[in-house]
């Protein structure tokens, strides 16, 4: 019985920890730069207009790039297409960054064209 209670408590704490990983939404931004290539290991890096004032996780120490994501997955390819479209047209977008980093830049959760 005590073992079951300990397992239940551990599961509850794990769920609370997962729920506390909040994402941050960056509204009404423009993408000022998009970069891909070997230097980024298959990742895509973005710089957004609010880069200097954006709320970032502590791990986001990269001063050049705002957000980073894996451009080799199907979802990553879709996000890259949207990012290039947004950057080339200058349209405002909303983006969401995770509460963790990919190689010192905030991990991109989603991108939405307006």
PDB file of N, CA and C in Angstrom:
ATOM      1  N   UNK A   1       0.815  -1.190   0.000  1.00  0.00           N
ATOM      2  CA  UNK A   1       0.000   0.000   0.000  1.00  0.00           C
ATOM      3  C   UNK A   1       0.866   1.265   0.000  1.00  0.00           C
ATOM      4  N   UNK A   2       1.917   1.261   0.834  1.00  0.00           N
ATOM      5  CA  UNK A   2       2.803   2.426   0.882  1.00  0.00           C
ATOM      6  C   UNK A   2       3.508   2.625  -0.453  1.00  0.00           C
ATOM      7  N   UNK A   3       3.855   1.520  -1.094  1.00  0.00           N
ATOM      8  CA  UNK A   3       4.503   1.602  -2.402  1.00  0.00           C
ATOM      9  C   UNK A   3       3.576   2.247  -3.418  1.00  0.00           C
ATOM     10  N   UNK A   4       2.299   1.886  -3.382  1.00  0.00           N
ATOM     11  CA  UNK A   4       1.319   2.471  -4.303  1.00  0.00           C
ATOM     12  C   UNK A   4       1.174   3.970  -4.059  1.00  0.00           C
ATOM     13  N   UNK A   5       1.164   4.375  -2.798  1.00  0.00           N
ATOM     14  CA  UNK A   5       1.055   5.798  -2.473  1.00  0.00           C
ATOM     15  C   UNK A   5       2.283   6.561  -2.957  1.00  0.00           C
ATOM     16  N   UNK A   6       3.452   5.963  -2.802  1.00  0.00           N
ATOM     17  CA  UNK A   6       4.678   6.600  -3.280  1.00  0.00           C
ATOM     18  C   UNK A   6       4.662   6.736  -4.798  1.00  0.00           C
ATOM     19  N   UNK A   7       4.200   5.695  -5.484  1.00  0.00           N
ATOM     20  CA  UNK A   7       4.105   5.756  -6.942  1.00  0.00           C
ATOM     21  C   UNK A   7       3.105   6.819  -7.381  1.00  0.00           C
ATOM     22  N   UNK A   8       1.975   6.895  -6.698  1.00  0.00           N
ATOM     23  CA  UNK A   8       0.968   7.904  -7.033  1.00  0.00           C
ATOM     24  C   UNK A   8       1.520   9.309  -6.807  1.00  0.00           C
ATOM     25  N   UNK A   9       2.246   9.496  -5.718  1.00  0.00           N
ATOM     26  CA  UNK A   9       2.838  10.804  -5.438  1.00  0.00           C
ATOM     27  C   UNK A   9       3.881  11.167  -6.491  1.00  0.00           C
ATOM     28  N   UNK A  10       4.701  10.205  -6.889  1.00  0.00           N
ATOM     29  CA  UNK A  10       5.719  10.464  -7.909  1.00  0.00           C
ATOM     30  C   UNK A  10       5.076  10.809  -9.245  1.00  0.00           C
ATOM     31  N   UNK A  11       4.012  10.095  -9.596  1.00  0.00           N
ATOM     32  CA  UNK A  11       3.303  10.380 -10.841  1.00  0.00           C
ATOM     33  C   UNK A  11       2.692  11.773 -10.812  1.00  0.00           C
ATOM     34  N   UNK A  12       2.091  12.140  -9.695  1.00  0.00           N
ATOM     35  CA  UNK A  12       1.499  13.470  -9.562  1.00  0.00           C
ATOM     36  C   UNK A  12       2.558  14.551  -9.716  1.00  0.00           C
ATOM     37  N   UNK A  13       3.698  14.385  -9.076  1.00  0.00           N
ATOM     38  CA  UNK A  13       4.777  15.369  -9.191  1.00  0.00           C
ATOM     39  C   UNK A  13       5.285  15.465 -10.622  1.00  0.00           C
ATOM     40  N   UNK A  14       5.366  14.337 -11.308  1.00  0.00           N
ATOM     41  CA  UNK A  14       5.809  14.348 -12.706  1.00  0.00           C
ATOM     42  C   UNK A  14       4.836  15.115 -13.583  1.00  0.00           C
ATOM     43  N   UNK A  15       3.548  14.903 -13.365  1.00  0.00           N
ATOM     44  CA  UNK A  15       2.538  15.612 -14.154  1.00  0.00           C
ATOM     45  C   UNK A  15       2.568  17.106 -13.879  1.00  0.00           C
ATOM     46  N   UNK A  16       2.765  17.486 -12.630  1.00  0.00           N
ATOM     47  CA  UNK A  16       2.867  18.906 -12.286  1.00  0.00           C
ATOM     48  C   UNK A  16       4.088  19.518 -12.954  1.00  0.00           C
ATOM     49  N   UNK A  17       5.194  18.806 -12.961  1.00  0.00           N
ATOM     50  CA  UNK A  17       6.412  19.317 -13.602  1.00  0.00           C
ATOM     51  C   UNK A  17       6.202  19.510 -15.092  1.00  0.00           C
ATOM     52  N   UNK A  18       5.521  18.573 -15.739  1.00  0.00           N
ATOM     53  CA  UNK A  18       5.251  18.716 -17.169  1.00  0.00           C
ATOM     54  C   UNK A  18       4.330  19.892 -17.439  1.00  0.00           C
ATOM     55  N   UNK A  19       3.326  20.069 -16.617  1.00  0.00           N
ATOM     56  CA  UNK A  19       2.379  21.162 -16.815  1.00  0.00           C
ATOM     57  C   UNK A  19       3.032  22.517 -16.590  1.00  0.00           C
ATOM     58  N   UNK A  20       4.082  22.554 -15.786  1.00  0.00           N
ATOM     59  CA  UNK A  20       4.716  23.833 -15.484  1.00  0.00           C
ATOM     60  C   UNK A  20       5.662  24.305 -16.587  1.00  0.00           C
ATOM     61  N   UNK A  21       5.919  23.465 -17.582  1.00  0.00           N
ATOM     62  CA  UNK A  21       6.758  23.881 -18.699  1.00  0.00           C
ATOM     63  C   UNK A  21       5.918  24.742 -19.630  1.00  0.00           C
ATOM     64  N   UNK A  22       5.842  26.008 -19.298  1.00  0.00           N
ATOM     65  CA  UNK A  22       4.976  26.923 -20.037  1.00  0.00           C
ATOM     66  C   UNK A  22       5.659  27.430 -21.292  1.00  0.00           C
ATOM     67  N   UNK A  23       4.845  27.712 -22.256  1.00  0.00           N
ATOM     68  CA  UNK A  23       5.334  28.314 -23.493  1.00  0.00           C
ATOM     69  C   UNK A  23       5.068  29.814 -23.437  1.00  0.00           C
ATOM     70  N   UNK A  24       5.853  30.575 -24.171  1.00  0.00           N
ATOM     71  CA  UNK A  24       5.667  32.018 -24.266  1.00  0.00           C
ATOM     72  C   UNK A  24       5.219  32.350 -25.677  1.00  0.00           C
ATOM     73  N   UNK A  25       4.222  33.216 -25.787  1.00  0.00           N
ATOM     74  CA  UNK A  25       3.724  33.628 -27.099  1.00  0.00           C
ATOM     75  C   UNK A  25       4.288  35.002 -27.432  1.00  0.00           C
ATOM     76  N   UNK A  26       4.824  35.123 -28.628  1.00  0.00           N
ATOM     77  CA  UNK A  26       5.348  36.387 -29.137  1.00  0.00           C
ATOM     78  C   UNK A  26       4.392  36.850 -30.231  1.00  0.00           C
ATOM     79  N   UNK A  27       3.600  37.874 -29.936  1.00  0.00           N
ATOM     80  CA  UNK A  27       2.568  38.347 -30.862  1.00  0.00           C
ATOM     81  C   UNK A  27       3.060  39.518 -31.691  1.00  0.00           C
ATOM     82  N   UNK A  28       2.474  39.642 -32.876  1.00  0.00           N
ATOM     83  CA  UNK A  28       2.722  40.787 -33.761  1.00  0.00           C
ATOM     84  C   UNK A  28       4.205  41.006 -34.039  1.00  0.00           C
ATOM     85  N   UNK A  29       4.879  39.943 -34.404  1.00  0.00           N
ATOM     86  CA  UNK A  29       6.309  39.993 -34.705  1.00  0.00           C
ATOM     87  C   UNK A  29       6.525  39.884 -36.209  1.00  0.00           C
ATOM     88  N   UNK A  30       7.675  40.325 -36.650  1.00  0.00           N
ATOM     89  CA  UNK A  30       8.114  40.036 -38.010  1.00  0.00           C
ATOM     90  C   UNK A  30       9.414  39.243 -37.899  1.00  0.00           C
ATOM     91  N   UNK A  31       9.646  38.392 -38.879  1.00  0.00           N
ATOM     92  CA  UNK A  31      10.901  37.640 -38.916  1.00  0.00           C
ATOM     93  C   UNK A  31      11.896  38.478 -39.694  1.00  0.00           C
ATOM     94  N   UNK A  32      12.983  38.843 -39.042  1.00  0.00           N
ATOM     95  CA  UNK A  32      13.979  39.692 -39.688  1.00  0.00           C
ATOM     96  C   UNK A  32      15.088  38.884 -40.350  1.00  0.00           C
ATOM     97  N   UNK A  33      15.328  37.650 -39.869  1.00  0.00           N
ATOM     98  CA  UNK A  33      16.351  36.797 -40.471  1.00  0.00           C
ATOM     99  C   UNK A  33      15.959  35.330 -40.333  1.00  0.00           C
ATOM    100  N   UNK A  34      16.290  34.548 -41.351  1.00  0.00           N
ATOM    101  CA  UNK A  34      16.138  33.092 -41.331  1.00  0.00           C
ATOM    102  C   UNK A  34      17.479  32.520 -41.770  1.00  0.00           C
ATOM    103  N   UNK A  35      17.984  31.529 -41.051  1.00  0.00           N
ATOM    104  CA  UNK A  35      19.251  30.910 -41.451  1.00  0.00           C
ATOM    105  C   UNK A  35      19.168  29.396 -41.291  1.00  0.00           C
ATOM    106  N   UNK A  36      19.777  28.691 -42.244  1.00  0.00           N
ATOM    107  CA  UNK A  36      19.899  27.232 -42.199  1.00  0.00           C
ATOM    108  C   UNK A  36      21.291  26.884 -42.706  1.00  0.00           C
ATOM    109  N   UNK A  37      21.720  25.675 -42.456  1.00  0.00           N
ATOM    110  CA  UNK A  37      23.012  25.252 -42.984  1.00  0.00           C
ATOM    111  C   UNK A  37      23.754  24.372 -42.010  1.00  0.00           C
ATOM    112  N   UNK A  38      24.891  23.893 -42.459  1.00  0.00           N
ATOM    113  CA  UNK A  38      25.696  22.982 -41.662  1.00  0.00           C
ATOM    114  C   UNK A  38      26.088  23.528 -40.304  1.00  0.00           C
ATOM    115  N   UNK A  39      26.266  24.822 -40.214  1.00  0.00           N
ATOM    116  CA  UNK A  39      26.647  25.430 -38.938  1.00  0.00           C
ATOM    117  C   UNK A  39      25.572  25.245 -37.873  1.00  0.00           C
ATOM    118  N   UNK A  40      24.351  24.963 -38.310  1.00  0.00           N
ATOM    119  CA  UNK A  40      23.232  24.825 -37.379  1.00  0.00           C
ATOM    120  C   UNK A  40      22.776  23.376 -37.232  1.00  0.00           C
ATOM    121  N   UNK A  41      23.505  22.443 -37.827  1.00  0.00           N
ATOM    122  CA  UNK A  41      23.229  21.023 -37.654  1.00  0.00           C
ATOM    123  C   UNK A  41      21.843  20.580 -38.093  1.00  0.00           C
ATOM    124  N   UNK A  42      21.336  21.135 -39.171  1.00  0.00           N
ATOM    125  CA  UNK A  42      20.000  20.777 -39.643  1.00  0.00           C
ATOM    126  C   UNK A  42      18.897  21.613 -39.037  1.00  0.00           C
ATOM    127  N   UNK A  43      19.238  22.427 -38.063  1.00  0.00           N
ATOM    128  CA  UNK A  43      18.247  23.300 -37.446  1.00  0.00           C
ATOM    129  C   UNK A  43      18.044  24.556 -38.276  1.00  0.00           C
ATOM    130  N   UNK A  44      16.925  25.197 -38.038  1.00  0.00           N
ATOM    131  CA  UNK A  44      16.614  26.496 -38.627  1.00  0.00           C
ATOM    132  C   UNK A  44      16.628  27.492 -37.479  1.00  0.00           C
ATOM    133  N   UNK A  45      17.250  28.636 -37.685  1.00  0.00           N
ATOM    134  CA  UNK A  45      17.269  29.675 -36.662  1.00  0.00           C
ATOM    135  C   UNK A  45      16.579  30.919 -37.202  1.00  0.00           C
ATOM    136  N   UNK A  46      15.830  31.565 -36.321  1.00  0.00           N
ATOM    137  CA  UNK A  46      15.076  32.759 -36.684  1.00  0.00           C
ATOM    138  C   UNK A  46      15.432  33.900 -35.754  1.00  0.00           C
ATOM    139  N   UNK A  47      15.412  35.098 -36.293  1.00  0.00           N
ATOM    140  CA  UNK A  47      15.495  36.299 -35.466  1.00  0.00           C
ATOM    141  C   UNK A  47      14.203  37.062 -35.702  1.00  0.00           C
ATOM    142  N   UNK A  48      13.535  37.442 -34.606  1.00  0.00           N
ATOM    143  CA  UNK A  48      12.284  38.170 -34.733  1.00  0.00           C
ATOM    144  C   UNK A  48      12.469  39.617 -34.297  1.00  0.00           C
ATOM    145  N   UNK A  49      11.528  40.456 -34.713  1.00  0.00           N
ATOM    146  CA  UNK A  49      11.650  41.898 -34.479  1.00  0.00           C
ATOM    147  C   UNK A  49      11.760  42.253 -33.002  1.00  0.00           C
ATOM    148  N   UNK A  50      11.149  41.501 -32.128  1.00  0.00           N
ATOM    149  CA  UNK A  50      11.204  41.797 -30.700  1.00  0.00           C
ATOM    150  C   UNK A  50      12.316  41.084 -29.970  1.00  0.00           C
ATOM    151  N   UNK A  51      13.358  40.670 -30.689  1.00  0.00           N
ATOM    152  CA  UNK A  51      14.426  39.844 -30.115  1.00  0.00           C
ATOM    153  C   UNK A  51      15.013  40.433 -28.833  1.00  0.00           C
ATOM    154  N   UNK A  52      15.324  41.704 -28.835  1.00  0.00           N
ATOM    155  CA  UNK A  52      16.013  42.290 -27.684  1.00  0.00           C
ATOM    156  C   UNK A  52      15.132  42.428 -26.450  1.00  0.00           C
ATOM    157  N   UNK A  53      13.810  42.441 -26.631  1.00  0.00           N
ATOM    158  CA  UNK A  53      12.920  42.610 -25.483  1.00  0.00           C
ATOM    159  C   UNK A  53      12.104  41.363 -25.162  1.00  0.00           C
ATOM    160  N   UNK A  54      12.341  40.263 -25.879  1.00  0.00           N
ATOM    161  CA  UNK A  54      11.510  39.075 -25.671  1.00  0.00           C
ATOM    162  C   UNK A  54      11.847  38.350 -24.376  1.00  0.00           C
ATOM    163  N   UNK A  55      10.819  37.760 -23.776  1.00  0.00           N
ATOM    164  CA  UNK A  55      10.991  36.928 -22.598  1.00  0.00           C
ATOM    165  C   UNK A  55      11.555  35.592 -23.057  1.00  0.00           C
ATOM    166  N   UNK A  56      12.649  35.175 -22.429  1.00  0.00           N
ATOM    167  CA  UNK A  56      13.329  33.948 -22.859  1.00  0.00           C
ATOM    168  C   UNK A  56      13.591  33.060 -21.654  1.00  0.00           C
ATOM    169  N   UNK A  57      13.698  31.754 -21.876  1.00  0.00           N
ATOM    170  CA  UNK A  57      14.139  30.894 -20.783  1.00  0.00           C
ATOM    171  C   UNK A  57      15.602  31.202 -20.441  1.00  0.00           C
ATOM    172  N   UNK A  58      16.010  30.852 -19.259  1.00  0.00           N
ATOM    173  CA  UNK A  58      17.371  31.135 -18.796  1.00  0.00           C
ATOM    174  C   UNK A  58      18.422  30.539 -19.726  1.00  0.00           C
ATOM    175  N   UNK A  59      18.109  29.413 -20.340  1.00  0.00           N
ATOM    176  CA  UNK A  59      19.072  28.732 -21.210  1.00  0.00           C
ATOM    177  C   UNK A  59      19.294  29.462 -22.540  1.00  0.00           C
ATOM    178  N   UNK A  60      18.451  30.431 -22.868  1.00  0.00           N
ATOM    179  CA  UNK A  60      18.539  31.135 -24.156  1.00  0.00           C
ATOM    180  C   UNK A  60      19.587  32.241 -24.074  1.00  0.00           C
ATOM    181  N   UNK A  61      20.831  31.854 -24.282  1.00  0.00           N
ATOM    182  CA  UNK A  61      21.945  32.795 -24.173  1.00  0.00           C
ATOM    183  C   UNK A  61      22.446  33.293 -25.524  1.00  0.00           C
ATOM    184  N   UNK A  62      21.882  32.772 -26.604  1.00  0.00           N
ATOM    185  CA  UNK A  62      22.295  33.186 -27.947  1.00  0.00           C
ATOM    186  C   UNK A  62      21.850  34.623 -28.192  1.00  0.00           C
ATOM    187  N   UNK A  63      22.783  35.498 -28.506  1.00  0.00           N
ATOM    188  CA  UNK A  63      22.451  36.910 -28.713  1.00  0.00           C
ATOM    189  C   UNK A  63      22.060  37.222 -30.148  1.00  0.00           C
ATOM    190  N   UNK A  64      22.268  36.290 -31.061  1.00  0.00           N
ATOM    191  CA  UNK A  64      21.943  36.523 -32.466  1.00  0.00           C
ATOM    192  C   UNK A  64      20.575  35.991 -32.860  1.00  0.00           C
ATOM    193  N   UNK A  65      20.233  34.811 -32.349  1.00  0.00           N
ATOM    194  CA  UNK A  65      19.033  34.127 -32.813  1.00  0.00           C
ATOM    195  C   UNK A  65      17.977  34.051 -31.730  1.00  0.00           C
ATOM    196  N   UNK A  66      16.728  34.303 -32.111  1.00  0.00           N
ATOM    197  CA  UNK A  66      15.611  34.300 -31.174  1.00  0.00           C
ATOM    198  C   UNK A  66      15.071  32.897 -30.931  1.00  0.00           C
ATOM    199  N   UNK A  67      14.850  32.161 -32.007  1.00  0.00           N
ATOM    200  CA  UNK A  67      14.185  30.863 -31.931  1.00  0.00           C
ATOM    201  C   UNK A  67      14.882  29.859 -32.838  1.00  0.00           C
ATOM    202  N   UNK A  68      14.767  28.576 -32.480  1.00  0.00           N
ATOM    203  CA  UNK A  68      15.455  27.524 -33.231  1.00  0.00           C
ATOM    204  C   UNK A  68      14.560  26.294 -33.281  1.00  0.00           C
ATOM    205  N   UNK A  69      14.587  25.582 -34.409  1.00  0.00           N
ATOM    206  CA  UNK A  69      13.828  24.339 -34.521  1.00  0.00           C
ATOM    207  C   UNK A  69      14.490  23.407 -35.519  1.00  0.00           C
ATOM    208  N   UNK A  70      14.113  22.137 -35.443  1.00  0.00           N
ATOM    209  CA  UNK A  70      14.647  21.104 -36.327  1.00  0.00           C
ATOM    210  C   UNK A  70      13.965  21.220 -37.683  1.00  0.00           C
ATOM    211  N   UNK A  71      14.707  21.588 -38.690  1.00  0.00           N
ATOM    212  CA  UNK A  71      14.150  21.764 -40.021  1.00  0.00           C
ATOM    213  C   UNK A  71      14.098  20.498 -40.849  1.00  0.00           C
ATOM    214  N   UNK A  72      14.472  19.351 -40.276  1.00  0.00           N
ATOM    215  CA  UNK A  72      14.494  18.107 -41.046  1.00  0.00           C
ATOM    216  C   UNK A  72      13.225  17.278 -40.894  1.00  0.00           C
ATOM    217  N   UNK A  73      12.383  17.601 -39.922  1.00  0.00           N
ATOM    218  CA  UNK A  73      11.142  16.848 -39.718  1.00  0.00           C
ATOM    219  C   UNK A  73      10.045  17.408 -40.621  1.00  0.00           C
ATOM    220  N   UNK A  74       8.946  16.677 -40.757  1.00  0.00           N
ATOM    221  CA  UNK A  74       7.823  17.170 -41.567  1.00  0.00           C
ATOM    222  C   UNK A  74       7.277  18.471 -40.991  1.00  0.00           C
ATOM    223  N   UNK A  75       7.096  18.520 -39.680  1.00  0.00           N
ATOM    224  CA  UNK A  75       6.607  19.746 -39.042  1.00  0.00           C
ATOM    225  C   UNK A  75       7.629  20.864 -39.212  1.00  0.00           C
ATOM    226  N   UNK A  76       8.903  20.538 -39.067  1.00  0.00           N
ATOM    227  CA  UNK A  76       9.954  21.536 -39.244  1.00  0.00           C
ATOM    228  C   UNK A  76       9.965  22.118 -40.645  1.00  0.00           C
ATOM    229  N   UNK A  77       9.740  21.279 -41.638  1.00  0.00           N
ATOM    230  CA  UNK A  77       9.683  21.759 -43.025  1.00  0.00           C
ATOM    231  C   UNK A  77       8.498  22.694 -43.230  1.00  0.00           C
ATOM    232  N   UNK A  78       7.371  22.374 -42.598  1.00  0.00           N
ATOM    233  CA  UNK A  78       6.204  23.251 -42.687  1.00  0.00           C
ATOM    234  C   UNK A  78       6.483  24.595 -42.013  1.00  0.00           C
ATOM    235  N   UNK A  79       7.120  24.542 -40.833  1.00  0.00           N
ATOM    236  CA  UNK A  79       7.433  25.795 -40.133  1.00  0.00           C
ATOM    237  C   UNK A  79       8.439  26.620 -40.929  1.00  0.00           C
ATOM    238  N   UNK A  80       9.409  25.965 -41.568  1.00  0.00           N
ATOM    239  CA  UNK A  80      10.380  26.685 -42.389  1.00  0.00           C
ATOM    240  C   UNK A  80       9.677  27.386 -43.548  1.00  0.00           C
ATOM    241  N   UNK A  81       8.752  26.702 -44.202  1.00  0.00           N
ATOM    242  CA  UNK A  81       8.008  27.322 -45.304  1.00  0.00           C
ATOM    243  C   UNK A  81       7.257  28.559 -44.831  1.00  0.00           C
ATOM    244  N   UNK A  82       6.607  28.443 -43.683  1.00  0.00           N
ATOM    245  CA  UNK A  82       5.867  29.587 -43.149  1.00  0.00           C
ATOM    246  C   UNK A  82       6.807  30.718 -42.750  1.00  0.00           C
ATOM    247  N   UNK A  83       7.952  30.374 -42.170  1.00  0.00           N
ATOM    248  CA  UNK A  83       8.912  31.393 -41.751  1.00  0.00           C
ATOM    249  C   UNK A  83       9.475  32.149 -42.947  1.00  0.00           C
ATOM    250  N   UNK A  84       9.817  31.430 -44.014  1.00  0.00           N
ATOM    251  CA  UNK A  84      10.352  32.078 -45.218  1.00  0.00           C
ATOM    252  C   UNK A  84       9.286  32.966 -45.857  1.00  0.00           C
ATOM    253  N   UNK A  85       8.055  32.484 -45.907  1.00  0.00           N
ATOM    254  CA  UNK A  85       6.960  33.295 -46.442  1.00  0.00           C
ATOM    255  C   UNK A  85       6.778  34.566 -45.617  1.00  0.00           C
ATOM    256  N   UNK A  86       6.765  34.420 -44.306  1.00  0.00           N
ATOM    257  CA  UNK A  86       6.592  35.579 -43.429  1.00  0.00           C
ATOM    258  C   UNK A  86       7.751  36.560 -43.567  1.00  0.00           C
ATOM    259  N   UNK A  87       8.972  36.044 -43.644  1.00  0.00           N
ATOM    260  CA  UNK A  87      10.141  36.921 -43.752  1.00  0.00           C
ATOM    261  C   UNK A  87      10.155  37.639 -45.093  1.00  0.00           C
ATOM    262  N   UNK A  88       9.819  36.946 -46.151  1.00  0.00           N
ATOM    263  CA  UNK A  88       9.896  37.555 -47.486  1.00  0.00           C
ATOM    264  C   UNK A  88       8.786  38.570 -47.739  1.00  0.00           C
ATOM    265  N   UNK A  89       7.662  38.429 -47.056  1.00  0.00           N
ATOM    266  CA  UNK A  89       6.552  39.374 -47.250  1.00  0.00           C
ATOM    267  C   UNK A  89       6.488  40.444 -46.173  1.00  0.00           C
ATOM    268  N   UNK A  90       7.185  40.232 -45.067  1.00  0.00           N
ATOM    269  CA  UNK A  90       7.167  41.200 -43.975  1.00  0.00           C
ATOM    270  C   UNK A  90       5.885  41.194 -43.166  1.00  0.00           C
ATOM    271  N   UNK A  91       5.055  40.166 -43.338  1.00  0.00           N
ATOM    272  CA  UNK A  91       3.782  40.077 -42.627  1.00  0.00           C
ATOM    273  C   UNK A  91       4.020  39.808 -41.139  1.00  0.00           C
ATOM    274  N   UNK A  92       3.135  40.347 -40.292  1.00  0.00           N
ATOM    275  CA  UNK A  92       3.239  40.078 -38.863  1.00  0.00           C
ATOM    276  C   UNK A  92       2.735  38.672 -38.568  1.00  0.00           C
ATOM    277  N   UNK A  93       3.376  38.046 -37.607  1.00  0.00           N
ATOM    278  CA  UNK A  93       3.042  36.677 -37.222  1.00  0.00           C
ATOM    279  C   UNK A  93       2.999  36.570 -35.709  1.00  0.00           C
ATOM    280  N   UNK A  94       2.469  35.466 -35.242  1.00  0.00           N
ATOM    281  CA  UNK A  94       2.562  35.081 -33.840  1.00  0.00           C
ATOM    282  C   UNK A  94       3.397  33.814 -33.790  1.00  0.00           C
ATOM    283  N   UNK A  95       4.228  33.699 -32.763  1.00  0.00           N
ATOM    284  CA  UNK A  95       5.056  32.512 -32.568  1.00  0.00           C
ATOM    285  C   UNK A  95       4.963  32.117 -31.110  1.00  0.00           C
ATOM    286  N   UNK A  96       5.265  30.868 -30.837  1.00  0.00           N
ATOM    287  CA  UNK A  96       5.324  30.408 -29.461  1.00  0.00           C
ATOM    288  C   UNK A  96       6.657  29.719 -29.242  1.00  0.00           C
ATOM    289  N   UNK A  97       7.313  30.097 -28.170  1.00  0.00           N
ATOM    290  CA  UNK A  97       8.577  29.482 -27.802  1.00  0.00           C
ATOM    291  C   UNK A  97       8.408  28.612 -26.573  1.00  0.00           C
ATOM    292  N   UNK A  98       9.085  27.492 -26.565  1.00  0.00           N
ATOM    293  CA  UNK A  98       9.045  26.574 -25.428  1.00  0.00           C
ATOM    294  C   UNK A  98       9.816  27.171 -24.254  1.00  0.00           C
ATOM    295  N   UNK A  99       9.684  26.534 -23.109  1.00  0.00           N
ATOM    296  CA  UNK A  99      10.416  26.954 -21.920  1.00  0.00           C
ATOM    297  C   UNK A  99      11.729  26.180 -21.810  1.00  0.00           C
ATOM    298  N   UNK A 100      12.288  25.801 -22.967  1.00  0.00           N
ATOM    299  CA  UNK A 100      13.589  25.139 -23.012  1.00  0.00           C
ATOM    300  C   UNK A 100      14.275  25.560 -24.303  1.00  0.00           C
ATOM    301  N   UNK A 101      15.516  25.176 -24.450  1.00  0.00           N
ATOM    302  CA  UNK A 101      16.309  25.645 -25.586  1.00  0.00           C
ATOM    303  C   UNK A 101      16.792  24.505 -26.467  1.00  0.00           C
ATOM    304  N   UNK A 102      17.073  24.860 -27.698  1.00  0.00           N
ATOM    305  CA  UNK A 102      17.811  24.017 -28.632  1.00  0.00           C
ATOM    306  C   UNK A 102      19.119  24.748 -28.884  1.00  0.00           C
ATOM    307  N   UNK A 103      20.190  24.239 -28.312  1.00  0.00           N
ATOM    308  CA  UNK A 103      21.518  24.815 -28.534  1.00  0.00           C
ATOM    309  C   UNK A 103      21.563  26.320 -28.278  1.00  0.00           C
ATOM    310  N   UNK A 104      21.118  26.745 -27.120  1.00  0.00           N
ATOM    311  CA  UNK A 104      21.183  28.110 -26.578  1.00  0.00           C
ATOM    312  C   UNK A 104      20.221  29.120 -27.198  1.00  0.00           C
ATOM    313  N   UNK A 105      19.270  28.674 -28.003  1.00  0.00           N
ATOM    314  CA  UNK A 105      18.198  29.549 -28.498  1.00  0.00           C
ATOM    315  C   UNK A 105      16.866  28.911 -28.115  1.00  0.00           C
ATOM    316  N   UNK A 106      15.872  29.732 -27.849  1.00  0.00           N
ATOM    317  CA  UNK A 106      14.557  29.235 -27.458  1.00  0.00           C
ATOM    318  C   UNK A 106      13.998  28.296 -28.526  1.00  0.00           C
ATOM    319  N   UNK A 107      13.488  27.153 -28.110  1.00  0.00           N
ATOM    320  CA  UNK A 107      12.901  26.182 -29.039  1.00  0.00           C
ATOM    321  C   UNK A 107      11.546  26.696 -29.527  1.00  0.00           C
ATOM    322  N   UNK A 108      11.354  26.710 -30.837  1.00  0.00           N
ATOM    323  CA  UNK A 108      10.091  27.154 -31.421  1.00  0.00           C
ATOM    324  C   UNK A 108       9.037  26.073 -31.242  1.00  0.00           C
ATOM    325  N   UNK A 109       7.888  26.475 -30.740  1.00  0.00           N
ATOM    326  CA  UNK A 109       6.769  25.541 -30.552  1.00  0.00           C
ATOM    327  C   UNK A 109       5.828  25.570 -31.749  1.00  0.00           C
ATOM    328  N   UNK A 110       5.432  26.765 -32.175  1.00  0.00           N
ATOM    329  CA  UNK A 110       4.584  26.915 -33.359  1.00  0.00           C
ATOM    330  C   UNK A 110       4.727  28.312 -33.936  1.00  0.00           C
ATOM    331  N   UNK A 111       4.262  28.454 -35.158  1.00  0.00           N
ATOM    332  CA  UNK A 111       4.272  29.731 -35.867  1.00  0.00           C
ATOM    333  C   UNK A 111       2.908  29.881 -36.538  1.00  0.00           C
ATOM    334  N   UNK A 112       2.353  31.092 -36.483  1.00  0.00           N
ATOM    335  CA  UNK A 112       1.031  31.325 -37.061  1.00  0.00           C
ATOM    336  C   UNK A 112       1.048  32.611 -37.878  1.00  0.00           C
ATOM    337  N   UNK A 113       0.701  32.488 -39.153  1.00  0.00           N
ATOM    338  CA  UNK A 113       0.557  33.673 -40.004  1.00  0.00           C
ATOM    339  C   UNK A 113      -0.760  34.346 -39.661  1.00  0.00           C
ATOM    340  N   UNK A 114      -0.789  35.670 -39.780  1.00  0.00           N
ATOM    341  CA  UNK A 114      -2.017  36.411 -39.449  1.00  0.00           C
ATOM    342  C   UNK A 114      -2.752  36.805 -40.698  1.00  0.00           C
TER     343      UNK A 114
END
